Amino acid sequence: MSGLVGVLTNGQPQLLGPALGALLLTFCAIWFLNGRMWAFIYVALIPFLNWSFG
């Protein structure tokens, strides 16, 4: 679980609340705008792709 928190917060666990809030807002925006399933998957992968190179 700490590995997932580390990925979502770039190694700063005190930022877990804002990171989860931002993901929730993004998912809600995709849902309300009738986004496609690939958009959910893409948005869910963004933190892992960005921070895997950092």
PDB file of N, CA and C in Angstrom:
ATOM      1  N   MET A   1       0.818  -1.188   0.000  1.00  0.00           N
ATOM      2  CA  MET A   1       0.000   0.000   0.000  1.00  0.00           C
ATOM      3  C   MET A   1       0.869   1.261   0.000  1.00  0.00           C
ATOM      4  N   SER A   2       1.990   1.216   0.684  1.00  0.00           N
ATOM      5  CA  SER A   2       2.851   2.392   0.719  1.00  0.00           C
ATOM      6  C   SER A   2       3.458   2.670  -0.659  1.00  0.00           C
ATOM      7  N   GLY A   3       3.636   1.623  -1.453  1.00  0.00           N
ATOM      8  CA  GLY A   3       4.139   1.817  -2.812  1.00  0.00           C
ATOM      9  C   GLY A   3       3.156   2.588  -3.670  1.00  0.00           C
ATOM     10  N   LEU A   4       1.871   2.268  -3.534  1.00  0.00           N
ATOM     11  CA  LEU A   4       0.832   2.968  -4.284  1.00  0.00           C
ATOM     12  C   LEU A   4       0.735   4.431  -3.844  1.00  0.00           C
ATOM     13  N   VAL A   5       0.813   4.653  -2.531  1.00  0.00           N
ATOM     14  CA  VAL A   5       0.785   6.033  -2.016  1.00  0.00           C
ATOM     15  C   VAL A   5       1.996   6.792  -2.520  1.00  0.00           C
ATOM     16  N   GLY A   6       3.138   6.143  -2.553  1.00  0.00           N
ATOM     17  CA  GLY A   6       4.350   6.782  -3.052  1.00  0.00           C
ATOM     18  C   GLY A   6       4.242   7.170  -4.517  1.00  0.00           C
ATOM     19  N   VAL A   7       3.611   6.322  -5.310  1.00  0.00           N
ATOM     20  CA  VAL A   7       3.439   6.620  -6.726  1.00  0.00           C
ATOM     21  C   VAL A   7       2.464   7.777  -6.919  1.00  0.00           C
ATOM     22  N   LEU A   8       1.355   7.747  -6.189  1.00  0.00           N
ATOM     23  CA  LEU A   8       0.342   8.789  -6.340  1.00  0.00           C
ATOM     24  C   LEU A   8       0.802  10.153  -5.843  1.00  0.00           C
ATOM     25  N   THR A   9       1.728  10.157  -4.885  1.00  0.00           N
ATOM     26  CA  THR A   9       2.147  11.425  -4.281  1.00  0.00           C
ATOM     27  C   THR A   9       3.598  11.774  -4.569  1.00  0.00           C
ATOM     28  N   ASN A  10       4.233  11.038  -5.446  1.00  0.00           N
ATOM     29  CA  ASN A  10       5.642  11.268  -5.786  1.00  0.00           C
ATOM     30  C   ASN A  10       6.533  11.221  -4.552  1.00  0.00           C
ATOM     31  N   GLY A  11       6.247  10.253  -3.676  1.00  0.00           N
ATOM     32  CA  GLY A  11       7.064  10.058  -2.494  1.00  0.00           C
ATOM     33  C   GLY A  11       6.786  11.023  -1.364  1.00  0.00           C
ATOM     34  N   GLN A  12       5.675  11.747  -1.421  1.00  0.00           N
ATOM     35  CA  GLN A  12       5.313  12.705  -0.367  1.00  0.00           C
ATOM     36  C   GLN A  12       3.931  12.333   0.166  1.00  0.00           C
ATOM     37  N   PRO A  13       3.865  11.392   1.115  1.00  0.00           N
ATOM     38  CA  PRO A  13       2.574  10.873   1.572  1.00  0.00           C
ATOM     39  C   PRO A  13       1.651  11.924   2.186  1.00  0.00           C
ATOM     40  N   GLN A  14       2.176  13.047   2.625  1.00  0.00           N
ATOM     41  CA  GLN A  14       1.321  14.097   3.182  1.00  0.00           C
ATOM     42  C   GLN A  14       0.431  14.722   2.107  1.00  0.00           C
ATOM     43  N   LEU A  15       0.711  14.461   0.839  1.00  0.00           N
ATOM     44  CA  LEU A  15      -0.089  14.986  -0.262  1.00  0.00           C
ATOM     45  C   LEU A  15      -1.144  13.987  -0.758  1.00  0.00           C
ATOM     46  N   LEU A  16      -1.388  12.921  -0.005  1.00  0.00           N
ATOM     47  CA  LEU A  16      -2.343  11.912  -0.442  1.00  0.00           C
ATOM     48  C   LEU A  16      -3.752  12.483  -0.579  1.00  0.00           C
ATOM     49  N   GLY A  17      -4.186  13.304   0.369  1.00  0.00           N
ATOM     50  CA  GLY A  17      -5.525  13.899   0.310  1.00  0.00           C
ATOM     51  C   GLY A  17      -5.745  14.724  -0.953  1.00  0.00           C
ATOM     52  N   PRO A  18      -4.883  15.699  -1.225  1.00  0.00           N
ATOM     53  CA  PRO A  18      -5.054  16.475  -2.458  1.00  0.00           C
ATOM     54  C   PRO A  18      -4.941  15.634  -3.735  1.00  0.00           C
ATOM     55  N   ALA A  19      -4.070  14.619  -3.719  1.00  0.00           N
ATOM     56  CA  ALA A  19      -3.916  13.771  -4.911  1.00  0.00           C
ATOM     57  C   ALA A  19      -5.189  12.967  -5.167  1.00  0.00           C
ATOM     58  N   LEU A  20      -5.762  12.393  -4.118  1.00  0.00           N
ATOM     59  CA  LEU A  20      -7.004  11.632  -4.292  1.00  0.00           C
ATOM     60  C   LEU A  20      -8.160  12.548  -4.661  1.00  0.00           C
ATOM     61  N   GLY A  21      -8.184  13.747  -4.076  1.00  0.00           N
ATOM     62  CA  GLY A  21      -9.219  14.715  -4.432  1.00  0.00           C
ATOM     63  C   GLY A  21      -9.145  15.112  -5.895  1.00  0.00           C
ATOM     64  N   ALA A  22      -7.942  15.341  -6.383  1.00  0.00           N
ATOM     65  CA  ALA A  22      -7.769  15.717  -7.789  1.00  0.00           C
ATOM     66  C   ALA A  22      -8.198  14.577  -8.721  1.00  0.00           C
ATOM     67  N   LEU A  23      -7.838  13.336  -8.369  1.00  0.00           N
ATOM     68  CA  LEU A  23      -8.267  12.201  -9.184  1.00  0.00           C
ATOM     69  C   LEU A  23      -9.782  12.047  -9.159  1.00  0.00           C
ATOM     70  N   LEU A  24     -10.389  12.242  -7.989  1.00  0.00           N
ATOM     71  CA  LEU A  24     -11.845  12.141  -7.893  1.00  0.00           C
ATOM     72  C   LEU A  24     -12.531  13.205  -8.736  1.00  0.00           C
ATOM     73  N   LEU A  25     -12.047  14.433  -8.675  1.00  0.00           N
ATOM     74  CA  LEU A  25     -12.629  15.497  -9.495  1.00  0.00           C
ATOM     75  C   LEU A  25     -12.483  15.200 -10.989  1.00  0.00           C
ATOM     76  N   THR A  26     -11.350  14.663 -11.365  1.00  0.00           N
ATOM     77  CA  THR A  26     -11.121  14.321 -12.767  1.00  0.00           C
ATOM     78  C   THR A  26     -12.064  13.215 -13.217  1.00  0.00           C
ATOM     79  N   PHE A  27     -12.196  12.175 -12.401  1.00  0.00           N
ATOM     80  CA  PHE A  27     -13.113  11.093 -12.747  1.00  0.00           C
ATOM     81  C   PHE A  27     -14.553  11.589 -12.830  1.00  0.00           C
ATOM     82  N   CYS A  28     -14.939  12.474 -11.909  1.00  0.00           N
ATOM     83  CA  CYS A  28     -16.299  13.032 -11.947  1.00  0.00           C
ATOM     84  C   CYS A  28     -16.517  13.856 -13.208  1.00  0.00           C
ATOM     85  N   ALA A  29     -15.524  14.630 -13.600  1.00  0.00           N
ATOM     86  CA  ALA A  29     -15.655  15.434 -14.818  1.00  0.00           C
ATOM     87  C   ALA A  29     -15.815  14.536 -16.044  1.00  0.00           C
ATOM     88  N   ILE A  30     -15.038  13.467 -16.117  1.00  0.00           N
ATOM     89  CA  ILE A  30     -15.157  12.539 -17.245  1.00  0.00           C
ATOM     90  C   ILE A  30     -16.541  11.896 -17.239  1.00  0.00           C
ATOM     91  N   TRP A  31     -17.026  11.502 -16.071  1.00  0.00           N
ATOM     92  CA  TRP A  31     -18.329  10.853 -15.964  1.00  0.00           C
ATOM     93  C   TRP A  31     -19.445  11.807 -16.395  1.00  0.00           C
ATOM     94  N   PHE A  32     -19.438  13.039 -15.862  1.00  0.00           N
ATOM     95  CA  PHE A  32     -20.510  13.988 -16.161  1.00  0.00           C
ATOM     96  C   PHE A  32     -20.483  14.475 -17.605  1.00  0.00           C
ATOM     97  N   LEU A  33     -19.320  14.446 -18.214  1.00  0.00           N
ATOM     98  CA  LEU A  33     -19.212  14.845 -19.617  1.00  0.00           C
ATOM     99  C   LEU A  33     -19.369  13.654 -20.558  1.00  0.00           C
ATOM    100  N   ASN A  34     -19.836  12.534 -20.014  1.00  0.00           N
ATOM    101  CA  ASN A  34     -20.074  11.311 -20.786  1.00  0.00           C
ATOM    102  C   ASN A  34     -18.819  10.829 -21.502  1.00  0.00           C
ATOM    103  N   GLY A  35     -17.726  10.804 -20.768  1.00  0.00           N
ATOM    104  CA  GLY A  35     -16.462  10.340 -21.334  1.00  0.00           C
ATOM    105  C   GLY A  35     -16.474   8.848 -21.593  1.00  0.00           C
ATOM    106  N   ARG A  36     -15.524   8.415 -22.322  1.00  0.00           N
ATOM    107  CA  ARG A  36     -15.419   7.012 -22.686  1.00  0.00           C
ATOM    108  C   ARG A  36     -14.567   6.259 -21.653  1.00  0.00           C
ATOM    109  N   MET A  37     -14.668   4.941 -21.684  1.00  0.00           N
ATOM    110  CA  MET A  37     -13.929   4.115 -20.732  1.00  0.00           C
ATOM    111  C   MET A  37     -12.420   4.293 -20.905  1.00  0.00           C
ATOM    112  N   TRP A  38     -11.939   4.493 -22.136  1.00  0.00           N
ATOM    113  CA  TRP A  38     -10.498   4.670 -22.329  1.00  0.00           C
ATOM    114  C   TRP A  38     -10.015   5.934 -21.628  1.00  0.00           C
ATOM    115  N   ALA A  39     -10.891   6.932 -21.478  1.00  0.00           N
ATOM    116  CA  ALA A  39     -10.491   8.156 -20.774  1.00  0.00           C
ATOM    117  C   ALA A  39     -10.261   7.872 -19.296  1.00  0.00           C
ATOM    118  N   PHE A  40     -11.115   7.038 -18.688  1.00  0.00           N
ATOM    119  CA  PHE A  40     -10.907   6.659 -17.291  1.00  0.00           C
ATOM    120  C   PHE A  40      -9.576   5.936 -17.117  1.00  0.00           C
ATOM    121  N   ILE A  41      -9.304   5.013 -18.026  1.00  0.00           N
ATOM    122  CA  ILE A  41      -8.063   4.238 -17.942  1.00  0.00           C
ATOM    123  C   ILE A  41      -6.857   5.141 -18.142  1.00  0.00           C
ATOM    124  N   TYR A  42      -6.928   6.034 -19.107  1.00  0.00           N
ATOM    125  CA  TYR A  42      -5.818   6.947 -19.379  1.00  0.00           C
ATOM    126  C   TYR A  42      -5.537   7.830 -18.176  1.00  0.00           C
ATOM    127  N   VAL A  43      -6.583   8.413 -17.603  1.00  0.00           N
ATOM    128  CA  VAL A  43      -6.406   9.303 -16.443  1.00  0.00           C
ATOM    129  C   VAL A  43      -5.866   8.521 -15.250  1.00  0.00           C
ATOM    130  N   ALA A  44      -6.317   7.279 -15.076  1.00  0.00           N
ATOM    131  CA  ALA A  44      -5.827   6.474 -13.963  1.00  0.00           C
ATOM    132  C   ALA A  44      -4.344   6.138 -14.119  1.00  0.00           C
ATOM    133  N   LEU A  45      -3.866   6.048 -15.354  1.00  0.00           N
ATOM    134  CA  LEU A  45      -2.462   5.692 -15.581  1.00  0.00           C
ATOM    135  C   LEU A  45      -1.517   6.890 -15.553  1.00  0.00           C
ATOM    136  N   ILE A  46      -2.032   8.099 -15.662  1.00  0.00           N
ATOM    137  CA  ILE A  46      -1.167   9.277 -15.733  1.00  0.00           C
ATOM    138  C   ILE A  46      -0.171   9.363 -14.568  1.00  0.00           C
ATOM    139  N   PRO A  47      -0.608   9.225 -13.297  1.00  0.00           N
ATOM    140  CA  PRO A  47       0.391   9.335 -12.216  1.00  0.00           C
ATOM    141  C   PRO A  47       1.497   8.294 -12.322  1.00  0.00           C
ATOM    142  N   PHE A  48       1.142   7.077 -12.720  1.00  0.00           N
ATOM    143  CA  PHE A  48       2.141   6.013 -12.805  1.00  0.00           C
ATOM    144  C   PHE A  48       3.121   6.281 -13.945  1.00  0.00           C
ATOM    145  N   LEU A  49       2.625   6.797 -15.054  1.00  0.00           N
ATOM    146  CA  LEU A  49       3.507   7.087 -16.174  1.00  0.00           C
ATOM    147  C   LEU A  49       4.410   8.287 -15.896  1.00  0.00           C
ATOM    148  N   ASN A  50       3.858   9.341 -15.324  1.00  0.00           N
ATOM    149  CA  ASN A  50       4.644  10.544 -15.046  1.00  0.00           C
ATOM    150  C   ASN A  50       5.755  10.264 -14.049  1.00  0.00           C
ATOM    151  N   TRP A  51       5.440   9.614 -12.949  1.00  0.00           N
ATOM    152  CA  TRP A  51       6.406   9.471 -11.870  1.00  0.00           C
ATOM    153  C   TRP A  51       7.319   8.272 -12.055  1.00  0.00           C
ATOM    154  N   SER A  52       7.016   7.413 -13.004  1.00  0.00           N
ATOM    155  CA  SER A  52       7.929   6.302 -13.248  1.00  0.00           C
ATOM    156  C   SER A  52       9.189   6.786 -13.951  1.00  0.00           C
ATOM    157  N   PHE A  53       9.108   7.937 -14.626  1.00  0.00           N
ATOM    158  CA  PHE A  53      10.275   8.504 -15.299  1.00  0.00           C
ATOM    159  C   PHE A  53      11.019   9.506 -14.427  1.00  0.00           C
ATOM    160  N   GLY A  54      10.470   9.838 -13.267  1.00  0.00           N
ATOM    161  CA  GLY A  54      11.080  10.876 -12.407  1.00  0.00           C
ATOM    162  C   GLY A  54      11.892  10.272 -11.385  1.00  0.00           C
TER     163      GLY A  54
END
